[in-house]
Amino acid sequence: MSRWRLELVLDPVACDGRGVCAEMLPERIELDRWGYPVIDGAEIPPALVEHAVRAVRSCPKQALHLVEDTC
């Protein structure tokens, strides 16, 4: 039986380091010393899915994406 999981993926070329995503989802995204997001790579748990969706939608450069993967 396969199950799905959500993970955050960043397009580093599109990102301009505004940090909106880290404000919206600090549980999974930190900023490096230049202000660019560092995503921890862990699966997005159900309790954080809504926050992750808001972070993706809030990205001014559309550089952050939620990707569905099956295990």
Protein backbone atom coordinates (compact mmCIF):
# COMPACT_ATOMS: atom_id res chain seq x y z
CA MET A 1 0.00 0.00 0.00
CA SER A 2 1.51 3.31 -1.05
CA ARG A 3 0.86 6.53 0.78
CA TRP A 4 1.40 10.09 -0.28
CA ARG A 5 3.54 12.69 1.31
CA LEU A 6 4.03 16.38 0.69
CA GLU A 7 7.37 18.07 0.55
CA LEU A 8 8.46 21.62 -0.12
CA VAL A 9 10.70 22.29 -3.09
CA LEU A 10 12.47 25.58 -3.79
CA ASP A 11 13.51 26.90 -7.18
CA PRO A 12 16.72 28.66 -6.16
CA VAL A 13 16.99 30.49 -9.47
CA ALA A 14 13.57 32.10 -9.09
CA CYS A 15 13.98 32.93 -5.39
CA ASP A 16 15.18 36.44 -4.57
CA GLY A 17 15.45 35.95 -0.80
CA ARG A 18 12.57 38.03 0.52
CA GLY A 19 11.94 35.55 3.35
CA VAL A 20 8.14 35.55 3.23
CA CYS A 21 8.09 31.74 3.23
CA ALA A 22 10.12 31.52 6.44
CA GLU A 23 7.70 33.88 8.14
CA MET A 24 4.76 31.74 7.04
CA LEU A 25 6.30 28.34 7.85
CA PRO A 26 9.13 28.69 10.40
CA GLU A 27 8.67 25.05 11.41
CA ARG A 28 10.19 23.92 8.10
CA ILE A 29 11.97 26.94 6.58
CA GLU A 30 14.90 28.93 7.97
CA LEU A 31 16.81 31.73 6.30
CA ASP A 32 20.52 31.53 5.61
CA ARG A 33 22.79 34.46 6.42
CA TRP A 34 21.96 36.11 3.07
CA GLY A 35 18.19 35.79 3.62
CA TYR A 36 17.56 32.85 1.30
CA PRO A 37 15.36 29.98 2.49
CA VAL A 38 16.76 26.67 3.65
CA ILE A 39 14.10 23.96 3.69
CA ASP A 40 14.64 21.13 6.15
CA GLY A 41 13.40 18.50 3.67
CA ALA A 42 11.17 16.70 6.14
CA GLU A 43 7.71 15.55 5.16
CA ILE A 44 4.99 18.12 5.77
CA PRO A 45 2.76 16.66 8.50
CA PRO A 46 -1.03 17.06 8.20
CA ALA A 47 -1.06 19.73 10.91
CA LEU A 48 1.23 21.98 8.81
CA VAL A 49 -0.27 21.44 5.35
CA GLU A 50 -2.45 24.55 5.51
CA HIS A 51 0.54 26.65 6.60
CA ALA A 52 2.68 25.18 3.82
CA VAL A 53 0.02 26.00 1.23
CA ARG A 54 -0.10 29.60 2.52
CA ALA A 55 3.68 29.86 2.32
CA VAL A 56 3.66 28.63 -1.28
CA ARG A 57 0.87 31.03 -2.26
CA SER A 58 2.62 33.93 -0.52
CA CYS A 59 5.89 33.57 -2.41
CA PRO A 60 6.18 36.73 -4.52
CA LYS A 61 8.44 35.00 -7.07
CA GLN A 62 6.55 31.66 -7.15
CA ALA A 63 9.79 29.91 -6.23
CA LEU A 64 8.31 27.62 -3.59
CA HIS A 65 6.26 24.55 -4.50
CA LEU A 66 4.51 21.70 -2.73
CA VAL A 67 5.22 18.39 -4.38
CA GLU A 68 3.17 15.28 -3.79
CA ASP A 69 5.23 12.11 -3.65
CA THR A 70 4.18 8.52 -3.10
CA CYS A 71 6.07 6.23 -0.80
